[in-house]
Protein backbone atom coordinates (compact mmCIF):
# COMPACT_ATOMS: atom_id res chain seq x y z
CA MET A 1 9.10 -39.47 -22.21
CA ASN A 2 10.95 -39.31 -18.90
CA TRP A 3 10.11 -36.39 -16.66
CA PRO A 4 12.26 -35.31 -13.69
CA ILE A 5 9.34 -35.14 -11.25
CA GLY A 6 11.05 -33.12 -8.52
CA TYR A 7 12.27 -30.51 -11.00
CA VAL A 8 8.86 -30.35 -12.69
CA VAL A 9 7.11 -29.80 -9.36
CA ALA A 10 9.51 -26.98 -8.45
CA VAL A 11 8.99 -25.19 -11.77
CA VAL A 12 5.21 -25.63 -11.73
CA LEU A 13 4.99 -24.27 -8.20
CA VAL A 14 6.94 -21.11 -9.01
CA ALA A 15 5.14 -20.72 -12.35
CA TRP A 16 1.78 -20.85 -10.60
CA CYS A 17 2.76 -18.08 -8.19
CA THR A 18 4.43 -16.04 -10.94
CA PHE A 19 1.26 -16.10 -13.05
CA PHE A 20 -0.75 -14.63 -10.20
CA ALA A 21 1.98 -12.08 -9.52
CA VAL A 22 2.55 -10.84 -13.09
CA VAL A 23 -0.79 -11.41 -14.80
CA ALA A 24 -2.73 -10.95 -11.54
CA PRO A 25 -6.31 -11.23 -12.87
CA ARG A 26 -8.65 -8.96 -10.93
CA ARG A 27 -11.92 -10.45 -12.16
CA PRO A 28 -13.83 -12.50 -11.21
CA ARG A 29 -13.45 -12.12 -7.45
CA GLN A 30 -12.25 -15.71 -7.03
CA LEU A 31 -9.28 -15.06 -9.32
CA ALA A 32 -8.57 -11.78 -7.53
CA MET A 33 -8.38 -13.69 -4.25
CA MET A 34 -6.04 -16.23 -5.84
CA SER A 35 -3.83 -13.41 -7.14
CA TRP A 36 -3.49 -12.14 -3.60
CA TRP A 37 -2.94 -15.52 -1.95
CA PHE A 38 -0.46 -16.92 -4.46
CA GLY A 39 1.12 -13.80 -5.98
CA GLN A 40 1.68 -11.54 -2.98
CA VAL A 41 5.06 -12.81 -1.77
CA ILE A 42 6.67 -13.56 -5.13
CA ASN A 43 5.52 -10.19 -6.47
CA GLU A 44 7.40 -8.34 -3.74
CA VAL A 45 10.50 -10.56 -3.54
CA PRO A 46 10.74 -12.12 -7.04
CA PHE A 47 14.50 -12.61 -6.77
CA LEU A 48 13.85 -15.44 -4.32
CA GLY A 49 11.87 -17.24 -7.01
CA ILE A 50 14.69 -16.67 -9.48
CA LEU A 51 17.27 -18.07 -7.05
CA PHE A 52 15.06 -21.07 -6.35
CA LEU A 53 14.65 -21.88 -10.04
CA VAL A 54 18.34 -21.38 -10.79
CA ALA A 55 19.27 -23.68 -7.91
CA SER A 56 16.68 -26.27 -9.00
CA SER A 57 17.97 -26.16 -12.57
CA ALA A 58 21.57 -26.53 -11.43
CA LEU A 59 20.63 -29.52 -9.29
CA ALA A 60 18.69 -31.09 -12.15
CA ALA A 61 21.70 -30.60 -14.46
CA ALA A 62 24.07 -32.12 -11.90
CA GLU A 63 21.84 -35.19 -11.66
CA GLY A 64 21.59 -35.54 -15.43
CA ASP A 65 17.86 -34.76 -15.49
CA LEU A 66 18.28 -32.18 -18.26
CA ASP A 67 19.51 -34.77 -20.73
CA SER A 68 16.00 -36.15 -21.25
CA PRO A 69 13.41 -34.46 -23.50
CA GLY A 70 11.16 -33.93 -20.46
CA GLY A 71 14.02 -32.26 -18.58
CA LYS A 72 14.76 -29.95 -21.51
CA ILE A 73 11.11 -28.93 -21.77
CA THR A 74 11.02 -28.24 -18.05
CA ALA A 75 14.22 -26.17 -18.27
CA GLY A 76 12.65 -24.14 -21.07
CA ALA A 77 9.58 -23.55 -18.94
CA ALA A 78 11.84 -22.47 -16.08
CA ALA A 79 13.45 -19.89 -18.38
CA VAL A 80 10.03 -18.48 -19.27
CA VAL A 81 9.08 -18.28 -15.59
CA ILE A 82 12.35 -16.51 -14.78
CA ALA A 83 11.53 -13.96 -17.48
CA GLY A 84 8.19 -13.36 -15.75
CA LEU A 85 9.96 -12.91 -12.42
CA VAL A 86 12.34 -10.42 -14.00
CA ILE A 87 9.29 -8.44 -15.16
CA ALA A 88 7.87 -8.48 -11.63
CA GLY A 89 11.22 -7.35 -10.23
CA TRP A 90 11.57 -4.56 -12.78
CA GLN A 91 8.11 -3.26 -11.94
CA GLY A 92 9.10 -3.10 -8.27
CA VAL A 93 12.31 -1.25 -9.10
CA ARG A 94 10.40 1.21 -11.31
CA SER A 95 8.28 2.24 -8.32
CA ASP A 96 11.10 4.58 -7.28
CA ARG A 97 10.66 6.65 -10.43
CA VAL A 98 6.86 6.56 -10.14
CA VAL A 99 6.94 7.80 -6.55
CA GLY A 100 9.40 10.55 -7.50
CA GLN A 101 7.13 11.71 -10.31
CA ALA A 102 4.13 11.69 -7.95
CA LEU A 103 6.03 13.84 -5.45
CA GLY A 104 6.98 16.29 -8.17
CA LYS A 105 3.38 16.56 -9.37
CA GLY A 106 1.90 16.86 -5.89
CA LEU A 107 4.54 18.97 -4.12
CA GLY A 108 6.14 20.84 -7.02
CA ASP A 109 9.39 20.18 -8.85
CA ASP A 110 11.33 22.17 -6.23
CA TRP A 111 10.04 20.17 -3.27
CA ARG A 112 13.53 19.06 -2.18
CA ASP A 113 14.55 22.68 -1.70
CA ARG A 114 11.81 23.08 0.90
CA VAL A 115 12.71 20.02 3.00
CA ASP A 116 15.01 20.74 5.94
CA VAL A 117 15.86 17.16 6.96
CA GLY A 118 18.14 14.61 5.34
CA LEU A 119 16.36 12.09 3.13
CA ARG A 120 17.57 8.70 2.00
CA ARG A 121 18.92 8.98 -1.54
CA HIS A 122 19.13 5.26 -2.31
CA ARG A 123 17.04 2.28 -1.35
CA PRO A 124 18.59 -0.15 1.16
CA TRP A 125 19.47 -2.88 -1.33
CA ALA A 126 21.35 -4.99 1.21
CA ARG A 127 18.24 -5.21 3.37
CA ILE A 128 15.97 -5.79 0.35
CA LEU A 129 18.11 -8.59 -1.09
CA LEU A 130 19.42 -10.27 2.06
CA ILE A 131 16.88 -9.81 4.85
CA PRO A 132 13.56 -8.69 3.32
CA PHE A 133 11.54 -10.53 5.97
CA VAL A 134 13.32 -9.02 9.00
CA ARG A 135 11.10 -6.13 10.04
CA SER A 136 12.71 -5.02 13.30
CA ARG A 137 15.65 -2.65 13.82
CA ARG A 138 18.16 -2.79 16.64
CA GLU A 139 17.94 0.93 17.26
CA VAL A 140 14.13 0.86 17.58
CA GLU A 141 12.14 -0.37 20.58
CA ARG A 142 8.50 -1.38 20.58
CA ILE A 143 6.46 -0.76 23.72
CA ASN A 144 3.66 -3.31 23.48
CA ASP A 145 0.00 -3.52 24.41
CA ILE A 146 -0.84 -0.13 25.88
CA SER A 147 -4.56 0.27 26.55
CA TYR A 148 -6.38 3.22 25.04
CA GLY A 149 -10.00 2.08 25.60
CA ASP A 150 -12.21 -0.43 27.36
CA ALA A 151 -12.52 -3.08 24.60
CA GLY A 152 -9.74 -5.37 25.84
CA ARG A 153 -7.16 -6.51 23.29
CA ARG A 154 -9.02 -4.73 20.49
CA ASN A 155 -8.22 -1.44 22.23
CA LEU A 156 -4.47 -1.94 22.56
CA LEU A 157 -1.69 -0.06 20.80
CA ASP A 158 2.06 -0.35 20.37
CA VAL A 159 4.53 2.54 20.44
CA TYR A 160 7.68 2.43 18.30
CA ARG A 161 10.50 4.81 19.10
CA ARG A 162 14.25 5.05 18.92
CA ARG A 163 15.98 3.58 21.95
CA ASP A 164 17.54 6.92 22.86
CA ALA A 165 13.98 8.24 23.37
CA PRO A 166 13.97 11.41 21.25
CA GLN A 167 11.88 14.36 22.39
CA ASN A 168 9.43 16.60 20.51
CA ALA A 169 9.15 13.97 17.80
CA PRO A 170 6.50 13.97 15.07
CA VAL A 171 3.87 11.24 15.41
CA LEU A 172 2.48 8.65 13.01
CA VAL A 173 -0.71 6.82 14.04
CA TYR A 174 -1.22 3.65 11.96
CA PHE A 175 -4.29 1.40 11.47
CA HIS A 176 -3.99 -2.14 10.08
CA GLY A 177 -6.03 -3.71 7.30
CA GLY A 178 -8.22 -6.79 7.26
CA GLY A 179 -11.60 -5.75 5.87
CA TYR A 180 -12.80 -4.74 9.36
CA THR A 181 -13.08 -8.45 10.21
CA THR A 182 -9.51 -9.49 10.92
CA GLY A 183 -5.99 -8.11 11.37
CA LYS A 184 -3.76 -6.87 14.14
CA LYS A 185 -1.45 -4.01 14.92
CA SER A 186 1.83 -5.88 14.32
CA ARG A 187 1.14 -7.30 10.86
CA GLU A 188 1.51 -4.70 8.10
CA ALA A 189 3.65 -1.62 7.45
CA ARG A 190 6.35 -2.62 9.92
CA PRO A 191 9.11 -1.48 7.53
CA LEU A 192 7.49 1.97 7.50
CA LEU A 193 6.98 2.16 11.26
CA THR A 194 10.50 1.06 12.12
CA ARG A 195 12.08 3.28 9.45
CA LEU A 196 10.32 6.41 10.71
CA ALA A 197 11.03 5.48 14.33
CA SER A 198 14.72 5.06 13.50
CA GLN A 199 14.63 8.61 12.14
CA GLY A 200 13.26 10.03 15.38
CA TRP A 201 9.50 9.65 14.96
CA ILE A 202 7.08 8.24 17.50
CA CYS A 203 4.94 5.65 15.70
CA ILE A 204 1.72 4.25 17.14
CA SER A 205 0.10 1.12 15.70
CA ALA A 206 -3.33 0.26 17.08
CA ASN A 207 -5.90 -2.50 17.11
CA TYR A 208 -9.56 -1.54 16.81
CA ARG A 209 -12.87 -3.36 17.22
CA LEU A 210 -13.87 -5.63 14.35
CA ARG A 211 -16.93 -7.12 12.73
CA PRO A 212 -19.17 -8.93 13.50
CA GLN A 213 -18.97 -7.80 17.12
CA VAL A 214 -19.30 -4.16 16.03
CA THR A 215 -20.05 -2.25 12.86
CA PHE A 216 -19.66 1.25 11.44
CA PRO A 217 -18.97 3.74 13.02
CA ASP A 218 -17.40 1.80 15.91
CA HIS A 219 -14.11 1.21 14.06
CA GLN A 220 -13.92 4.93 13.41
CA ILE A 221 -14.67 5.84 17.01
CA ASP A 222 -11.78 3.64 18.12
CA ALA A 223 -9.48 5.35 15.62
CA LYS A 224 -10.41 8.75 17.02
CA LYS A 225 -9.71 7.40 20.51
CA VAL A 226 -6.20 6.48 19.41
CA ILE A 227 -5.63 10.04 18.16
CA ALA A 228 -7.02 11.34 21.45
CA TRP A 229 -4.63 9.02 23.33
CA GLY A 230 -1.74 10.37 21.29
CA ARG A 231 -2.72 13.93 22.11
CA GLU A 232 -3.02 13.18 25.83
CA HIS A 233 -0.13 10.75 26.38
CA GLY A 234 2.22 11.30 23.45
CA GLN A 235 4.57 13.57 25.37
CA GLU A 236 5.19 10.78 27.88
CA TYR A 237 6.93 8.89 25.05
CA GLY A 238 8.74 11.87 23.55
CA ALA A 239 6.12 12.93 21.01
CA ASP A 240 5.05 16.35 19.86
CA PRO A 241 1.28 15.73 19.52
CA SER A 242 0.81 18.91 17.47
CA ARG A 243 2.58 17.15 14.56
CA LEU A 244 0.45 14.07 14.09
CA PHE A 245 -0.09 12.09 10.88
CA VAL A 246 -2.51 9.20 10.38
CA ALA A 247 -1.82 6.22 8.14
CA GLY A 248 -3.37 2.90 7.27
CA SER A 249 -3.44 -0.06 4.91
CA SER A 250 -6.53 -1.39 3.10
CA ALA A 251 -9.45 -0.97 5.55
CA GLY A 252 -7.00 0.92 7.76
CA ALA A 253 -6.45 3.40 4.92
CA ASN A 254 -10.20 3.91 4.80
CA ILE A 255 -10.17 4.59 8.55
CA ALA A 256 -7.18 6.92 8.31
CA GLY A 257 -8.75 8.81 5.42
CA LEU A 258 -11.95 9.35 7.38
CA CYS A 259 -9.92 10.54 10.38
CA ALA A 260 -8.16 13.09 8.19
CA LEU A 261 -11.40 14.36 6.68
CA THR A 262 -13.57 14.48 9.83
CA PRO A 263 -11.67 16.53 12.41
CA ASN A 264 -13.65 16.90 15.64
CA ASP A 265 -16.80 15.37 14.17
CA PRO A 266 -18.97 14.53 17.21
CA MET A 267 -20.44 11.51 15.38
CA PHE A 268 -17.08 9.79 15.77
CA GLN A 269 -16.21 11.16 19.20
CA PRO A 270 -19.05 10.24 21.56
CA GLY A 271 -18.03 11.09 25.10
CA PHE A 272 -14.81 12.84 24.06
CA GLU A 273 -16.17 15.53 21.77
CA MET A 274 -13.87 18.19 23.23
CA VAL A 275 -10.66 16.39 22.22
CA ASP A 276 -9.05 17.88 19.13
CA THR A 277 -8.60 15.15 16.50
CA THR A 278 -7.25 17.33 13.69
CA VAL A 279 -4.30 15.73 11.91
CA THR A 280 -1.33 17.19 10.06
CA GLY A 281 -1.55 14.79 7.13
CA ALA A 282 -2.54 11.29 6.04
CA ILE A 283 -0.80 8.35 4.35
CA LEU A 284 -3.15 5.86 2.64
CA LEU A 285 -1.76 2.54 1.37
CA TYR A 286 -3.80 0.33 -1.01
CA GLY A 287 -7.04 1.61 0.48
CA TYR A 288 -10.51 0.28 -0.15
CA TYR A 289 -12.75 3.13 -1.35
CA GLY A 290 -15.93 1.22 -2.09
CA HIS A 291 -19.09 0.96 -0.01
CA TYR A 292 -19.04 -0.48 3.48
CA PHE A 293 -19.86 -4.20 3.55
CA GLY A 294 -22.22 -4.44 0.63
CA GLU A 295 -23.97 -1.10 1.05
CA GLU A 296 -25.39 -0.01 -2.29
CA PRO A 297 -24.23 3.27 -3.86
CA ASP A 298 -27.57 4.87 -2.97
CA ALA A 299 -27.46 3.62 0.64
CA SER A 300 -28.64 6.07 3.26
CA PRO A 301 -26.93 7.59 5.10
CA SER A 302 -24.08 8.05 2.60
CA ASP A 303 -21.41 8.51 5.26
CA LEU A 304 -19.41 5.31 5.04
CA GLN A 305 -16.35 6.25 2.97
CA PRO A 306 -13.67 8.97 2.94
CA GLN A 307 -14.81 10.31 -0.44
CA ASP A 308 -18.14 11.25 1.13
CA TYR A 309 -16.29 13.73 3.37
CA VAL A 310 -13.98 15.45 0.91
CA HIS A 311 -13.84 19.19 1.59
CA ALA A 312 -11.67 22.19 0.77
CA GLU A 313 -9.82 22.19 4.11
CA ALA A 314 -8.63 18.57 3.84
CA PRO A 315 -5.07 18.11 5.13
CA PRO A 316 -2.25 16.97 2.82
CA ILE A 317 -2.78 13.35 1.77
CA TYR A 318 -0.36 10.80 0.28
CA ILE A 319 -1.97 7.86 -1.56
CA ALA A 320 -0.07 4.81 -2.85
CA HIS A 321 -1.92 2.11 -4.77
CA GLY A 322 -0.94 -0.81 -6.99
CA THR A 323 -2.19 -1.20 -10.56
CA LYS A 324 -2.88 -4.93 -10.03
CA ASP A 325 -4.80 -4.62 -6.75
CA GLY A 326 -7.80 -6.94 -6.86
CA TRP A 327 -9.25 -6.07 -3.44
CA GLY A 328 -9.26 -2.29 -3.35
CA THR A 329 -9.32 -1.38 -7.01
CA VAL A 330 -6.93 1.12 -8.56
CA GLU A 331 -9.94 2.75 -10.22
CA GLY A 332 -11.33 3.54 -6.76
CA ALA A 333 -8.02 5.05 -5.68
CA ARG A 334 -7.83 7.18 -8.84
CA ASN A 335 -11.34 8.44 -8.29
CA PHE A 336 -10.63 9.32 -4.66
CA ALA A 337 -7.42 11.19 -5.58
CA ARG A 338 -9.26 13.02 -8.37
CA ARG A 339 -12.06 14.10 -6.02
CA LEU A 340 -9.55 15.29 -3.44
CA ARG A 341 -7.65 17.34 -5.98
CA ARG A 342 -10.86 18.85 -7.30
CA ALA A 343 -12.21 19.85 -3.90
CA ALA A 344 -9.26 20.30 -1.55
CA ASP A 345 -7.01 23.35 -1.38
CA ASN A 346 -4.15 21.35 0.12
CA THR A 347 -1.66 18.88 -1.30
CA VAL A 348 -2.51 15.46 -2.75
CA VAL A 349 0.27 13.05 -3.76
CA TYR A 350 -0.95 10.02 -5.70
CA ALA A 351 1.55 7.28 -6.59
CA GLU A 352 0.21 4.49 -8.80
CA LEU A 353 2.63 1.59 -8.43
CA PRO A 354 3.16 -0.55 -11.58
CA GLY A 355 2.42 -4.20 -10.89
CA GLY A 356 1.63 -3.55 -7.24
CA GLN A 357 -0.95 -5.75 -5.54
CA HIS A 358 -2.69 -5.63 -2.18
CA SER A 359 -0.48 -5.92 0.93
CA PHE A 360 2.68 -4.57 -0.68
CA ASP A 361 3.78 -3.19 2.72
CA VAL A 362 4.62 -6.42 4.54
CA PHE A 363 8.26 -6.89 3.44
CA HIS A 364 11.31 -4.78 2.73
CA SER A 365 10.70 -4.96 -1.01
CA ALA A 366 12.00 -2.60 -3.67
CA ARG A 367 8.44 -1.38 -4.19
CA PHE A 368 7.61 -0.68 -0.55
CA GLU A 369 10.97 0.91 0.22
CA ALA A 370 10.24 3.35 -2.61
CA VAL A 371 6.87 4.07 -0.99
CA VAL A 372 8.57 4.54 2.41
CA ASP A 373 10.97 7.04 0.86
CA GLY A 374 7.97 8.84 -0.57
CA VAL A 375 6.29 8.96 2.84
CA GLU A 376 9.45 10.43 4.37
CA ALA A 377 9.68 13.06 1.66
CA PHE A 378 5.96 13.90 1.82
CA SER A 379 5.88 14.23 5.62
CA ALA A 380 9.12 16.23 5.70
CA TRP A 381 7.72 18.63 3.10
CA VAL A 382 4.47 19.05 5.02
CA LEU A 383 6.30 19.68 8.31
CA ALA A 384 8.55 22.25 6.63
CA THR A 385 5.66 24.15 5.02
CA PRO A 386 4.42 27.01 7.25
CA GLN A 387 0.83 26.88 6.05
CA PHE A 388 0.48 23.39 7.56
CA ALA A 389 1.76 24.36 10.99
CA PHE A 390 -0.85 23.19 13.47
CA THR A 391 -1.86 24.18 16.95
CA PRO A 392 -4.34 21.85 18.71
CA GLY A 393 -7.69 23.56 18.75
CA SER A 394 -7.34 25.07 15.27
CA ALA A 395 -9.51 22.53 13.48
CA PRO A 396 -12.37 23.83 11.33
């Protein structure tokens, strides 16, 4: 049987990535890692895989490769793979409805009536389909590598703002992921940072010290220093530091969650205990809510995760997590959201994204743009709700 080798290789390559995007096994750990490595991109931009297979099939047909039995079998396999990619794409599109339902449950069905700013009604399909990898915006400037501490490049932050330098802008402080061992401030969540900045926010994305050079609570101390920097220097960049949200991805979500739940805790503010680190709200994306670097559940002290600090005065928190996440499990996110809702008096929005994996915030995908819209709606609702008005110094 004659096989069109080039066509076969193209189909096998996309099929391999599609399996780890759609099936996305989460156990054992080796398969979970493979799901992330091979499925991440195609899961967020599956239409590129479809276009690639359609083009490969058209080329194979033009060259007569589909006339052979091997070519026909390969074309049939390509059709099956395209069906899998359609499923991945549909799950991303469905995220819009899921986020909307989460907002309704967390904020109330009338939440739109309480928001006093214009919100995007439709996802930016031109950007999603044509330039999903372009993460900058012409109207947004990034001011790079501002020092906030004495740990060199690990204590640098970037400021994103609109080029017309708006004043009295709300602030978002963002912490990257990487399991506390890797990562940098310019890698994840850029579509969120640039979107909010284009809408008049001041967004801060910061590095922090990593393992093995440091360990807990040093990452957390750095995060509090970033908040302190925002309070002290935010007005120089047009910010209103009294309206400050924290956000993070993966390990950064863990850090942001702890920041939200430990306002003014001297354990995390050595040498700057008098700085108010209360936040207005928190946005947690595919967070890891397990135990810190192999600590057992009965480890002492039990102060390594956000869920250990849940309390009634927690600020409003928005959580987005994928159902296929093999690094920070969806079960952990559900448990954290459940504990927050049980203990906290304030708002919890929990959006469980169908088919979502780790690192869904890197590209302008249908899934992440739905999450971004949810963040805009959540933060606008919080800022418009009088009970969440904050004056520095009011932390419990």
